Amino acid sequence: MSAQPQQAPGSQEVTCVVVPLHNHTLLLPNICVAEVLPWRRTKALAGVPEWCVGVLGWRGESVVVLDYERLLDPSSAPQPHRAMLVMKKHHHREGSGFYALAAAALPRMVSLSAEDVVSQPAQPHVAVSMMTSVGTEAAMIPNFLYLEEQVRQII
């Protein structure tokens, strides 16, 4: 399954979510986002990688929260977060069908056409599916399958 936003047949634009991180920006198809929440306290887990912020109690489920920038660069210092996005898993096998991404600020929605999503040259990390731009702002489309595999290993 491609992580690139897909257009519905006959549709001119697709709704996406632009997620501000501290040093990067993510571009997510809106359909992948279950809910956007202000930052909430998470329960810390012992023996997990630094990018795992903890577990969030959400709608009766335990949802792993990850810091995408620390996943990209484990040596980066932890930063304060202002929001979290509960994400739907593409391939739900066991455990929760959701995980969450920490964000530096509340995300914003944009409508993009296929021409708006242009691949940018870069040597991406395995957690990055594609580098692109939204207007003049560089953005990353995550490798959702990789993220889900990392979350699965925590559970």
C-alpha atoms as a PDB file:
ATOM      1  CA  MET A   1       0.000   0.000   0.000  1.00  0.00           C
ATOM      2  CA  SER A   2       1.435   3.349  -0.982  1.00  0.00           C
ATOM      3  CA  ALA A   3       1.832   6.027   1.676  1.00  0.00           C
ATOM      4  CA  GLN A   4       1.310   8.746  -0.917  1.00  0.00           C
ATOM      5  CA  PRO A   5      -2.101  10.421  -0.656  1.00  0.00           C
ATOM      6  CA  GLN A   6      -4.524   8.904  -3.152  1.00  0.00           C
ATOM      7  CA  GLN A   7      -7.354  10.680  -4.891  1.00  0.00           C
ATOM      8  CA  ALA A   8     -10.808   9.223  -5.111  1.00  0.00           C
ATOM      9  CA  PRO A   9     -12.007   8.553  -8.680  1.00  0.00           C
ATOM     10  CA  GLY A  10     -13.394  11.759 -10.150  1.00  0.00           C
ATOM     11  CA  SER A  11     -12.011  13.835  -7.294  1.00  0.00           C
ATOM     12  CA  GLN A  12      -9.840  16.869  -7.937  1.00  0.00           C
ATOM     13  CA  GLU A  13      -8.322  17.189  -4.476  1.00  0.00           C
ATOM     14  CA  VAL A  14      -7.543  15.096  -1.406  1.00  0.00           C
ATOM     15  CA  THR A  15      -7.650  16.390   2.162  1.00  0.00           C
ATOM     16  CA  CYS A  16      -4.361  16.052   4.028  1.00  0.00           C
ATOM     17  CA  VAL A  17      -3.072  16.971   7.460  1.00  0.00           C
ATOM     18  CA  VAL A  18       0.113  19.037   7.828  1.00  0.00           C
ATOM     19  CA  VAL A  19       1.738  18.146  11.148  1.00  0.00           C
ATOM     20  CA  PRO A  20       4.360  20.509  12.591  1.00  0.00           C
ATOM     21  CA  LEU A  21       7.178  18.775  14.415  1.00  0.00           C
ATOM     22  CA  HIS A  22      10.098  20.626  15.971  1.00  0.00           C
ATOM     23  CA  ASN A  23      12.525  20.283  13.046  1.00  0.00           C
ATOM     24  CA  HIS A  24      10.363  18.709  10.353  1.00  0.00           C
ATOM     25  CA  THR A  25       6.850  18.698   8.939  1.00  0.00           C
ATOM     26  CA  LEU A  26       4.744  15.638   8.197  1.00  0.00           C
ATOM     27  CA  LEU A  27       2.105  15.331   5.490  1.00  0.00           C
ATOM     28  CA  LEU A  28      -0.556  12.713   6.224  1.00  0.00           C
ATOM     29  CA  PRO A  29      -3.643  11.654   4.294  1.00  0.00           C
ATOM     30  CA  ASN A  30      -6.592  12.763   6.434  1.00  0.00           C
ATOM     31  CA  ILE A  31      -8.119   9.286   6.193  1.00  0.00           C
ATOM     32  CA  CYS A  32      -5.218   7.904   8.307  1.00  0.00           C
ATOM     33  CA  VAL A  33      -5.968  10.207  11.247  1.00  0.00           C
ATOM     34  CA  ALA A  34      -8.587   8.984  13.722  1.00  0.00           C
ATOM     35  CA  GLU A  35      -8.436  12.011  16.044  1.00  0.00           C
ATOM     36  CA  VAL A  36      -6.318  15.052  16.903  1.00  0.00           C
ATOM     37  CA  LEU A  37      -5.910  15.685  20.620  1.00  0.00           C
ATOM     38  CA  PRO A  38      -4.253  18.337  22.737  1.00  0.00           C
ATOM     39  CA  TRP A  39      -1.245  16.890  24.542  1.00  0.00           C
ATOM     40  CA  ARG A  40      -2.184  14.447  27.284  1.00  0.00           C
ATOM     41  CA  ARG A  41      -0.147  12.705  29.906  1.00  0.00           C
ATOM     42  CA  THR A  42       1.106   9.291  28.829  1.00  0.00           C
ATOM     43  CA  LYS A  43       2.125   6.298  30.895  1.00  0.00           C
ATOM     44  CA  ALA A  44       5.864   5.642  30.578  1.00  0.00           C
ATOM     45  CA  LEU A  45       7.020   2.168  29.594  1.00  0.00           C
ATOM     46  CA  ALA A  46      10.247   0.556  30.785  1.00  0.00           C
ATOM     47  CA  GLY A  47      12.769  -0.889  28.341  1.00  0.00           C
ATOM     48  CA  VAL A  48      11.460   0.786  25.190  1.00  0.00           C
ATOM     49  CA  PRO A  49      13.350   2.873  22.610  1.00  0.00           C
ATOM     50  CA  GLU A  50      13.726   6.618  23.239  1.00  0.00           C
ATOM     51  CA  TRP A  51      11.219   7.429  20.475  1.00  0.00           C
ATOM     52  CA  CYS A  52       8.417   5.726  22.431  1.00  0.00           C
ATOM     53  CA  VAL A  53       6.873   8.513  24.500  1.00  0.00           C
ATOM     54  CA  GLY A  54       4.612   6.087  26.360  1.00  0.00           C
ATOM     55  CA  VAL A  55       1.082   4.747  26.227  1.00  0.00           C
ATOM     56  CA  LEU A  56      -2.084   6.820  26.008  1.00  0.00           C
ATOM     57  CA  GLY A  57      -5.448   5.647  27.298  1.00  0.00           C
ATOM     58  CA  TRP A  58      -7.813   6.473  24.429  1.00  0.00           C
ATOM     59  CA  ARG A  59     -11.413   5.266  24.035  1.00  0.00           C
ATOM     60  CA  GLY A  60     -10.769   2.242  26.228  1.00  0.00           C
ATOM     61  CA  GLU A  61      -7.602   1.233  24.367  1.00  0.00           C
ATOM     62  CA  SER A  62      -3.898   1.534  25.133  1.00  0.00           C
ATOM     63  CA  VAL A  63      -2.275   3.447  22.284  1.00  0.00           C
ATOM     64  CA  VAL A  64       1.520   3.670  21.861  1.00  0.00           C
ATOM     65  CA  VAL A  65       2.677   7.279  21.326  1.00  0.00           C
ATOM     66  CA  LEU A  66       5.791   7.821  19.271  1.00  0.00           C
ATOM     67  CA  ASP A  67       8.048  10.799  18.706  1.00  0.00           C
ATOM     68  CA  TYR A  68       8.734  10.671  14.958  1.00  0.00           C
ATOM     69  CA  GLU A  69      11.768  12.982  15.113  1.00  0.00           C
ATOM     70  CA  ARG A  70      13.434  10.829  17.773  1.00  0.00           C
ATOM     71  CA  LEU A  71      12.710   7.786  15.606  1.00  0.00           C
ATOM     72  CA  LEU A  72      14.566   9.530  12.763  1.00  0.00           C
ATOM     73  CA  ASP A  73      17.422  10.585  15.055  1.00  0.00           C
ATOM     74  CA  PRO A  74      17.625   8.720  18.381  1.00  0.00           C
ATOM     75  CA  SER A  75      20.381  11.060  19.589  1.00  0.00           C
ATOM     76  CA  SER A  76      18.119  14.138  19.374  1.00  0.00           C
ATOM     77  CA  ALA A  77      17.003  15.681  22.650  1.00  0.00           C
ATOM     78  CA  PRO A  78      13.400  15.230  23.738  1.00  0.00           C
ATOM     79  CA  GLN A  79      11.219  18.259  22.999  1.00  0.00           C
ATOM     80  CA  PRO A  80       7.909  19.345  24.528  1.00  0.00           C
ATOM     81  CA  HIS A  81       4.796  18.370  22.590  1.00  0.00           C
ATOM     82  CA  ARG A  82       1.542  20.294  22.226  1.00  0.00           C
ATOM     83  CA  ALA A  83      -0.669  17.782  20.410  1.00  0.00           C
ATOM     84  CA  MET A  84      -0.991  14.167  19.369  1.00  0.00           C
ATOM     85  CA  LEU A  85      -2.600  12.507  16.396  1.00  0.00           C
ATOM     86  CA  VAL A  86      -4.222   9.124  16.901  1.00  0.00           C
ATOM     87  CA  MET A  87      -3.488   7.166  13.729  1.00  0.00           C
ATOM     88  CA  LYS A  88      -5.382   4.231  12.218  1.00  0.00           C
ATOM     89  CA  LYS A  89      -3.185   1.237  11.466  1.00  0.00           C
ATOM     90  CA  HIS A  90      -3.105   0.049   7.850  1.00  0.00           C
ATOM     91  CA  HIS A  91      -2.377  -3.551   8.826  1.00  0.00           C
ATOM     92  CA  HIS A  92      -4.011  -4.378  12.141  1.00  0.00           C
ATOM     93  CA  ARG A  93      -2.828  -7.792  13.345  1.00  0.00           C
ATOM     94  CA  GLU A  94      -2.949  -7.869  17.129  1.00  0.00           C
ATOM     95  CA  GLY A  95      -3.415  -5.367  19.917  1.00  0.00           C
ATOM     96  CA  SER A  96      -4.812  -1.927  19.285  1.00  0.00           C
ATOM     97  CA  GLY A  97      -5.711  -0.824  15.774  1.00  0.00           C
ATOM     98  CA  PHE A  98      -4.225   2.582  16.584  1.00  0.00           C
ATOM     99  CA  TYR A  99      -1.018   4.373  17.533  1.00  0.00           C
ATOM    100  CA  ALA A 100      -0.308   8.069  18.069  1.00  0.00           C
ATOM    101  CA  LEU A 101       2.204  10.597  16.771  1.00  0.00           C
ATOM    102  CA  ALA A 102       3.449  13.441  18.970  1.00  0.00           C
ATOM    103  CA  ALA A 103       3.323  16.919  17.403  1.00  0.00           C
ATOM    104  CA  ALA A 104       4.945  20.240  18.278  1.00  0.00           C
ATOM    105  CA  ALA A 105       1.707  22.140  17.568  1.00  0.00           C
ATOM    106  CA  LEU A 106      -1.821  21.531  16.369  1.00  0.00           C
ATOM    107  CA  PRO A 107      -1.898  20.306  12.764  1.00  0.00           C
ATOM    108  CA  ARG A 108      -3.726  22.040   9.938  1.00  0.00           C
ATOM    109  CA  MET A 109      -5.759  20.601   7.104  1.00  0.00           C
ATOM    110  CA  VAL A 110      -5.033  21.312   3.454  1.00  0.00           C
ATOM    111  CA  SER A 111      -6.614  20.218   0.198  1.00  0.00           C
ATOM    112  CA  LEU A 112      -4.061  19.088  -2.349  1.00  0.00           C
ATOM    113  CA  SER A 113      -4.270  17.980  -5.950  1.00  0.00           C
ATOM    114  CA  ALA A 114      -1.947  15.355  -7.413  1.00  0.00           C
ATOM    115  CA  GLU A 115       0.139  18.175  -8.911  1.00  0.00           C
ATOM    116  CA  ASP A 116       0.644  19.692  -5.443  1.00  0.00           C
ATOM    117  CA  VAL A 117       2.417  16.584  -4.135  1.00  0.00           C
ATOM    118  CA  VAL A 118       5.806  16.610  -5.856  1.00  0.00           C
ATOM    119  CA  SER A 119       8.576  14.260  -4.822  1.00  0.00           C
ATOM    120  CA  GLN A 120      11.704  16.040  -3.610  1.00  0.00           C
ATOM    121  CA  PRO A 121      15.175  14.516  -3.929  1.00  0.00           C
ATOM    122  CA  ALA A 122      16.575  13.291  -0.630  1.00  0.00           C
ATOM    123  CA  GLN A 123      18.195  10.281   0.981  1.00  0.00           C
ATOM    124  CA  PRO A 124      15.304   9.392   3.251  1.00  0.00           C
ATOM    125  CA  HIS A 125      15.351   7.379   6.447  1.00  0.00           C
ATOM    126  CA  VAL A 126      13.507   4.041   6.355  1.00  0.00           C
ATOM    127  CA  ALA A 127      10.711   5.777   8.333  1.00  0.00           C
ATOM    128  CA  VAL A 128      10.200   8.242   5.430  1.00  0.00           C
ATOM    129  CA  SER A 129       8.202   7.105   2.421  1.00  0.00           C
ATOM    130  CA  MET A 130       8.644  10.313   0.435  1.00  0.00           C
ATOM    131  CA  MET A 131       9.961  13.857   0.740  1.00  0.00           C
ATOM    132  CA  THR A 132       7.644  16.468  -0.735  1.00  0.00           C
ATOM    133  CA  SER A 133       6.563  20.054  -0.216  1.00  0.00           C
ATOM    134  CA  VAL A 134       3.361  21.839   0.695  1.00  0.00           C
ATOM    135  CA  GLY A 135       3.685  25.227  -0.952  1.00  0.00           C
ATOM    136  CA  THR A 136       7.181  26.337   0.026  1.00  0.00           C
ATOM    137  CA  GLU A 137       7.323  24.115   3.130  1.00  0.00           C
ATOM    138  CA  ALA A 138       9.283  20.846   2.932  1.00  0.00           C
ATOM    139  CA  ALA A 139       7.334  17.864   4.262  1.00  0.00           C
ATOM    140  CA  MET A 140       7.757  14.127   4.805  1.00  0.00           C
ATOM    141  CA  ILE A 141       5.217  11.414   4.149  1.00  0.00           C
ATOM    142  CA  PRO A 142       5.911   8.680   6.710  1.00  0.00           C
ATOM    143  CA  ASN A 143       6.425   5.026   5.897  1.00  0.00           C
ATOM    144  CA  PHE A 144       3.315   3.847   7.718  1.00  0.00           C
ATOM    145  CA  LEU A 145       4.172   0.149   7.490  1.00  0.00           C
ATOM    146  CA  TYR A 146       7.551   0.795   9.134  1.00  0.00           C
ATOM    147  CA  LEU A 147       5.938   2.860  11.921  1.00  0.00           C
ATOM    148  CA  GLU A 148       3.364   0.156  12.554  1.00  0.00           C
ATOM    149  CA  GLU A 149       6.082  -2.498  12.734  1.00  0.00           C
ATOM    150  CA  GLN A 150       7.992  -0.416  15.312  1.00  0.00           C
ATOM    151  CA  VAL A 151       4.808  -0.012  17.376  1.00  0.00           C
ATOM    152  CA  ARG A 152       4.070  -3.749  17.072  1.00  0.00           C
ATOM    153  CA  GLN A 153       7.477  -4.510  18.570  1.00  0.00           C
ATOM    154  CA  ILE A 154       6.650  -2.338  21.601  1.00  0.00           C
ATOM    155  CA  ILE A 155       3.404  -4.224  22.192  1.00  0.00           C
END
